[in-house]
Protein backbone atom coordinates (compact mmCIF):
# COMPACT_ATOMS: atom_id res chain seq x y z
CA MET A 1 -0.05 0.06 -0.04
CA ALA A 2 2.76 2.52 0.57
CA ARG A 3 4.01 2.08 -2.61
CA GLY A 4 0.48 2.94 -4.05
CA VAL A 5 -0.07 -0.76 -5.40
CA GLY A 6 -2.41 -3.71 -4.26
CA GLN A 7 -6.13 -4.09 -4.25
CA VAL A 8 -7.60 -2.08 -1.40
CA SER A 9 -10.91 -0.31 -0.82
CA PRO A 10 -11.05 3.69 -1.42
CA ALA A 11 -11.99 3.89 2.42
CA THR A 12 -9.06 2.00 3.50
CA ARG A 13 -6.49 3.70 1.23
CA GLN A 14 -7.75 6.95 2.75
CA ARG A 15 -7.31 5.72 6.24
CA VAL A 16 -3.81 4.33 5.61
CA GLN A 17 -2.99 7.76 3.58
CA GLU A 18 -4.19 9.83 6.86
CA ALA A 19 -1.90 7.84 8.91
CA ILE A 20 1.02 8.33 6.61
CA ASP A 21 0.50 11.88 6.69
CA ARG A 22 -0.09 12.08 10.73
CA HIS A 23 3.25 10.32 11.45
CA ASN A 24 5.42 11.80 8.49
CA PHE A 25 5.86 8.40 7.39
CA ARG A 26 8.74 8.01 4.37
CA PRO A 27 9.01 4.89 2.36
CA SER A 28 12.28 3.12 3.02
CA HIS A 29 14.48 2.79 0.27
CA PHE A 30 16.14 -0.48 1.81
CA GLY A 31 12.75 -1.77 2.54
CA ARG A 32 11.64 -1.40 -1.13
CA ALA A 33 15.08 -2.88 -2.08
CA LEU A 34 14.32 -6.02 0.08
CA VAL A 35 10.78 -6.41 -1.53
CA ASN A 36 12.36 -6.01 -4.92
CA ARG A 37 15.29 -8.36 -4.13
CA ARG A 38 17.93 -5.54 -4.42
CA HIS A 39 20.67 -4.35 -2.09
CA GLY A 40 20.16 -0.68 -2.11
CA ALA A 41 23.91 -0.22 -3.06
CA LEU A 42 26.35 0.56 -5.88
CA GLY A 43 29.90 -0.48 -5.99
CA ILE A 44 32.88 1.31 -7.21
CA VAL A 45 36.25 -0.01 -7.87
CA PHE A 46 39.74 1.71 -8.19
CA PRO A 47 43.35 0.59 -8.06
CA GLY A 48 43.94 2.53 -5.11
CA LEU A 49 42.32 5.36 -3.07
CA SER A 50 44.90 7.85 -2.36
CA GLY A 51 45.35 11.08 -4.11
CA PRO A 52 43.08 14.00 -5.19
CA TYR A 53 41.91 12.49 -8.37
CA TYR A 54 40.28 9.40 -6.64
CA SER A 55 38.56 11.90 -3.91
CA ASP A 56 36.97 13.85 -6.51
CA VAL A 57 35.61 11.04 -8.46
CA ILE A 58 34.43 9.39 -5.37
CA ASN A 59 32.79 12.57 -4.10
CA GLY A 60 30.94 12.94 -7.59
CA PHE A 61 29.76 9.45 -7.46
CA GLU A 62 28.64 9.40 -3.90
CA GLU A 63 26.60 12.36 -4.45
CA GLU A 64 24.59 10.99 -6.84
CA ALA A 65 24.18 7.99 -5.10
CA VAL A 66 22.98 9.71 -1.99
CA ASN A 67 20.45 11.63 -4.07
CA ALA A 68 19.07 8.16 -5.33
CA GLN A 69 19.00 7.02 -1.69
CA VAL A 70 21.36 4.07 -2.45
CA SER A 71 24.73 3.44 -0.58
CA VAL A 72 28.15 3.15 -1.95
CA HIS A 73 30.83 0.45 -1.65
CA ILE A 74 34.36 1.42 -2.35
CA MET A 75 37.21 -0.80 -3.09
CA GLY A 76 40.73 -0.22 -3.69
CA THR A 77 42.46 -3.45 -5.28
CA HIS A 78 46.08 -2.06 -5.00
CA PHE A 79 46.63 -4.74 -7.98
CA LEU A 80 46.63 -7.46 -5.52
CA ARG A 81 46.63 -10.99 -7.01
CA GLN A 82 43.12 -11.57 -5.73
CA SER A 83 41.74 -8.33 -7.40
CA VAL A 84 39.31 -10.22 -9.54
CA ASP A 85 37.79 -12.20 -6.79
CA MET A 86 37.54 -9.20 -4.70
CA VAL A 87 35.68 -7.66 -7.47
CA LEU A 88 33.43 -10.47 -8.17
CA ASP A 89 32.44 -10.75 -4.32
CA MET A 90 31.69 -7.09 -4.16
CA ALA A 91 29.48 -7.47 -7.23
CA ASP A 92 27.61 -10.00 -5.29
CA ARG A 93 26.62 -7.36 -2.80
CA VAL A 94 25.58 -4.43 -4.97
CA ASP A 95 23.01 -3.73 -7.64
CA GLY A 96 25.38 -2.31 -10.05
CA ILE A 97 29.26 -1.64 -10.18
CA ALA A 98 31.53 0.86 -11.78
CA VAL A 99 35.03 -0.34 -12.59
CA MET A 100 37.73 1.81 -13.34
CA GLY A 101 39.57 0.84 -16.57
CA ASP A 102 42.58 -1.52 -16.34
CA VAL A 103 41.96 -2.33 -12.69
CA ILE A 104 40.90 -5.94 -13.72
CA PRO A 105 41.64 -7.57 -17.13
CA GLU A 106 38.90 -7.35 -19.79
CA ASP A 107 37.87 -11.25 -19.40
CA ALA A 108 36.99 -10.52 -15.86
CA VAL A 109 34.93 -7.82 -17.02
CA ARG A 110 33.17 -10.10 -19.42
CA ARG A 111 32.58 -12.78 -16.53
CA LEU A 112 30.74 -9.90 -14.69
CA THR A 113 28.44 -9.15 -17.62
CA ASP A 114 27.98 -12.79 -18.58
CA ARG A 115 26.67 -13.62 -15.28
CA GLY A 116 24.15 -10.46 -15.54
CA GLU A 117 25.70 -8.00 -13.34
CA ARG A 118 25.24 -4.18 -14.21
CA VAL A 119 28.87 -2.97 -14.96
CA VAL A 120 29.85 0.69 -15.99
CA LEU A 121 33.41 1.18 -16.91
CA LEU A 122 34.97 4.35 -15.46
CA ALA A 123 37.65 6.26 -17.23
CA GLY A 124 39.12 3.40 -19.42
CA GLY A 125 39.11 2.52 -23.05
CA PRO A 126 35.68 1.44 -24.36
CA LEU A 127 34.91 -2.16 -24.40
CA VAL A 128 32.43 -3.40 -26.79
CA GLY A 129 29.23 -4.28 -24.91
CA VAL A 130 29.98 -2.37 -21.70
CA PRO A 131 28.84 1.14 -21.10
CA THR A 132 31.62 3.66 -20.68
CA VAL A 133 31.88 6.96 -19.12
CA ARG A 134 35.43 8.59 -19.57
CA THR A 135 37.27 11.83 -20.33
CA GLU A 136 38.85 13.09 -23.40
CA ASN A 137 42.69 12.52 -23.36
CA LEU A 138 44.10 12.19 -26.77
CA ALA A 139 43.07 15.47 -28.35
CA ALA A 140 43.69 17.44 -25.06
CA MET A 141 46.94 16.32 -24.71
CA ALA A 142 47.63 16.84 -28.47
CA ARG A 143 46.43 20.69 -27.93
CA LEU A 144 48.87 21.01 -25.03
CA THR A 145 51.81 19.78 -26.55
CA THR A 146 51.09 21.63 -29.70
CA HIS A 147 50.97 24.88 -27.27
CA LEU A 148 54.56 23.84 -26.29
CA LEU A 149 56.01 23.16 -29.54
CA SER A 150 54.17 25.86 -31.83
CA ASP A 151 53.51 29.01 -29.48
CA HIS A 152 56.58 28.34 -27.16
CA GLY A 153 59.07 27.12 -29.96
CA TYR A 154 60.34 24.45 -27.74
CA GLU A 155 62.07 21.58 -29.51
CA ARG A 156 62.91 18.80 -27.09
CA LEU A 157 60.06 17.59 -25.01
CA VAL A 158 60.04 14.36 -22.88
CA PHE A 159 56.71 12.50 -21.82
CA VAL A 160 56.81 11.25 -18.01
CA GLY A 161 54.37 8.32 -17.40
CA ASN A 162 53.90 4.77 -18.31
CA PRO A 163 51.67 4.42 -21.34
CA ASP A 164 51.23 0.72 -20.53
CA GLY A 165 49.98 1.53 -17.06
CA SER A 166 46.50 2.94 -17.96
CA SER A 167 44.20 3.60 -20.80
CA ASP A 168 44.26 7.32 -19.70
CA ALA A 169 48.21 7.20 -19.98
CA THR A 170 48.13 5.54 -23.15
CA TYR A 171 45.95 8.15 -24.88
CA ARG A 172 47.95 11.00 -23.48
CA TRP A 173 51.21 9.45 -24.93
CA GLN A 174 49.51 9.14 -28.22
CA GLY A 175 48.34 12.84 -28.37
CA PHE A 176 51.69 13.80 -27.34
CA LEU A 177 53.21 11.83 -30.40
CA GLN A 178 50.34 13.06 -32.35
CA ALA A 179 51.36 16.66 -32.06
CA HIS A 180 54.98 16.22 -32.92
CA ARG A 181 54.20 14.38 -36.05
CA ARG A 182 51.74 17.06 -37.18
CA LEU A 183 54.14 19.70 -36.79
CA GLY A 184 57.06 17.85 -38.34
CA VAL A 185 59.03 17.36 -34.97
CA GLU A 186 60.69 14.24 -34.32
CA PRO A 187 59.26 13.00 -31.00
CA PRO A 188 61.26 11.00 -28.33
CA SER A 189 61.25 7.39 -28.98
CA GLU A 190 60.26 6.68 -25.47
CA PRO A 191 58.57 8.06 -22.52
CA ILE A 192 60.44 8.16 -19.25
CA ARG A 193 58.30 5.29 -17.51
CA VAL A 194 57.17 6.01 -13.95
CA GLY A 195 54.14 5.59 -11.90
CA LEU A 196 51.41 8.18 -11.38
CA ALA A 197 52.22 9.50 -7.86
CA GLN A 198 54.01 12.64 -6.65
CA ALA A 199 57.04 10.53 -5.65
CA HIS A 200 57.32 9.27 -9.15
CA GLY A 201 58.05 12.94 -10.26
CA PHE A 202 61.18 12.85 -8.20
CA ILE A 203 62.49 9.63 -9.79
CA ALA A 204 61.66 11.06 -13.26
CA VAL A 205 63.57 14.07 -12.49
CA SER A 206 66.78 12.17 -11.01
CA ARG A 207 66.65 10.32 -14.55
CA LEU A 208 66.69 13.48 -16.48
CA LEU A 209 69.29 15.13 -14.58
CA ASP A 210 71.79 12.31 -15.36
CA ARG A 211 71.55 13.17 -19.04
CA LYS A 212 74.15 15.42 -20.79
CA GLU A 213 71.51 17.74 -22.05
CA LEU A 214 68.22 18.94 -20.47
CA PRO A 215 64.93 19.05 -22.55
CA ASP A 216 62.95 22.03 -23.12
CA ALA A 217 59.80 20.93 -21.41
CA ILE A 218 58.84 18.08 -19.30
CA VAL A 219 55.33 16.90 -20.21
CA CYS A 220 53.72 14.84 -17.32
CA ALA A 221 50.91 12.32 -17.33
CA ASN A 222 49.11 13.77 -14.44
CA ASP A 223 49.53 16.67 -11.97
CA GLU A 224 50.72 14.66 -9.16
CA ILE A 225 53.95 13.75 -11.43
CA ALA A 226 54.28 17.12 -12.44
CA LEU A 227 54.10 18.83 -9.02
CA GLY A 228 56.54 16.17 -7.78
CA ALA A 229 58.87 16.96 -10.50
CA VAL A 230 58.63 20.76 -9.76
CA VAL A 231 59.80 20.42 -6.34
CA ALA A 232 62.62 18.13 -7.30
CA LEU A 233 63.86 20.62 -9.95
CA MET A 234 63.89 23.42 -7.38
CA ASP A 235 65.91 21.19 -5.05
CA ARG A 236 68.32 20.91 -7.59
CA GLY A 237 68.52 24.29 -8.49
CA VAL A 238 66.75 24.21 -11.87
CA ARG A 239 64.16 26.87 -12.17
CA VAL A 240 60.74 26.29 -13.61
CA PRO A 241 59.91 27.66 -16.19
CA GLU A 242 63.01 29.77 -16.69
CA ASP A 243 65.29 26.91 -17.13
CA LEU A 244 62.77 24.07 -17.90
CA ALA A 245 58.96 24.04 -18.48
CA VAL A 246 56.62 21.64 -16.76
CA THR A 247 53.09 20.68 -17.46
CA GLY A 248 50.56 18.13 -15.97
CA PHE A 249 47.08 16.86 -16.73
CA ASP A 250 44.04 16.75 -14.46
CA ASP A 251 43.84 20.22 -13.00
CA ILE A 252 43.79 19.26 -9.42
CA SER A 253 43.43 21.78 -6.54
CA MET A 254 46.99 22.24 -5.97
CA ALA A 255 47.88 22.81 -9.69
CA GLY A 256 46.71 26.37 -9.21
CA LEU A 257 48.65 26.96 -6.12
CA ALA A 258 51.97 25.82 -7.27
CA ALA A 259 54.66 28.55 -7.61
CA SER A 260 53.86 30.17 -11.24
CA GLY A 261 50.74 27.83 -11.41
CA LEU A 262 50.90 24.57 -13.22
CA THR A 263 49.87 24.61 -16.90
CA THR A 264 47.59 21.52 -17.21
CA VAL A 265 44.41 19.83 -18.65
CA HIS A 266 41.31 20.36 -16.71
CA GLN A 267 39.39 16.99 -16.64
CA PRO A 268 35.93 17.38 -14.69
CA MET A 269 36.92 14.76 -12.39
CA ARG A 270 33.68 15.20 -9.92
CA GLU A 271 31.31 15.11 -12.83
CA LEU A 272 33.09 11.91 -14.11
CA GLY A 273 32.11 10.22 -10.99
CA ALA A 274 28.74 11.82 -11.01
CA GLU A 275 27.85 10.84 -14.62
CA THR A 276 29.31 7.21 -14.09
CA ALA A 277 26.95 6.90 -11.07
CA ARG A 278 23.86 8.44 -13.12
CA GLN A 279 24.40 5.76 -15.84
CA LEU A 280 24.99 3.16 -13.46
CA LEU A 281 21.67 3.74 -11.72
CA ARG A 282 19.83 3.66 -15.35
CA HIS A 283 21.84 0.42 -16.12
CA VAL A 284 20.29 -1.08 -12.82
CA GLU A 285 16.84 0.13 -14.01
CA GLY A 286 17.46 -1.62 -17.17
CA ASP A 287 17.34 1.77 -18.91
CA LEU A 288 20.65 1.91 -20.45
CA ASP A 289 22.19 1.23 -24.09
CA VAL A 290 25.22 -1.09 -23.24
CA SER A 291 26.93 0.53 -26.35
CA LEU A 292 27.20 3.94 -24.35
CA ASP A 293 30.50 5.58 -24.58
CA ARG A 294 30.18 9.01 -22.85
CA VAL A 295 33.18 11.03 -23.29
CA LEU A 296 33.45 14.10 -21.21
CA GLU A 297 34.91 17.42 -22.49
CA THR A 298 38.58 18.28 -21.10
CA GLN A 299 40.18 21.79 -21.52
CA VAL A 300 43.81 23.06 -21.72
CA VAL A 301 44.55 25.56 -18.80
CA ILE A 302 47.47 27.99 -19.48
CA ARG A 303 49.43 29.17 -16.39
CA GLY A 304 52.90 29.96 -15.65
CA SER A 305 54.79 26.69 -15.54
CA CYS A 306 54.76 26.32 -19.41
CA GLY A 307 56.69 29.71 -19.65
CA CYS A 308 53.62 31.92 -20.67
CA GLY A 309 54.60 35.43 -19.28
CA VAL A 310 58.16 34.51 -18.66
CA GLU A 311 61.16 34.27 -20.83
CA SER A 312 61.70 30.67 -21.24
CA PRO A 313 64.71 28.97 -22.79
CA ALA A 314 63.28 28.71 -26.34
CA THR A 315 62.82 32.56 -26.49
CA LYS A 316 65.96 33.70 -25.04
């Protein structure tokens, strides 16, 4: 009756409604979930949970879930050997699950969908038959790299990040290479392969400073690498951007607070989480085309670390 269904007389319906109004009764989502044989929960899976990127994505995802009156189960697999089993176990306890790209193998994602689980891929390369929500990476990195090569006249760029580590890093490396080729500039044959944490920016700088000649600019796969690189360069007496330009990707909150400001690519991380939750909720209700590939726009953000407004090596 609280759901407005069932065969009852008008008089009975009126008495029940008066009781509902008198006691300010609100239908329990979890009670409905029990009746409908649902869990009243969504799951979201990341490789780890530390860092501003994950925080923003989770906040967006959770906000949409709360608005829909469902709870959220959050998992960081940390690439443990039992990651697939962990994700499969979580899927048994939620109505739908968002899995960040590259966290588990494609065949494991297929296992989930083959057994009828509602799955949305988050920030990964599209997979046929699995809805995906991601941000634009390749073209944005190409625009940023073009700015460095064309507007600043830099000739020697290095890419810092591991294209084999994630789909996003792969697309960013491809955009970096694409900009070089379009402008007829020979790109580096290999990136400096490091992880995505701030500490990896320190590692990359130590490798760079071992070389006989510094590049004109360091193009980092994300802001955390870039900020780590900036601090490491300053510690070694290398000025940013006067001696060496540095750029990032993501536009985390610290990017605008760094000395001279970090030139980067803004991606809507909170909206990425929110849109993933919205599409997953639709999927749970059976109202989503599994061919969905939603790509959110990104934008190059010019600040001082690339050399804008400063006399840089290429313009001396």
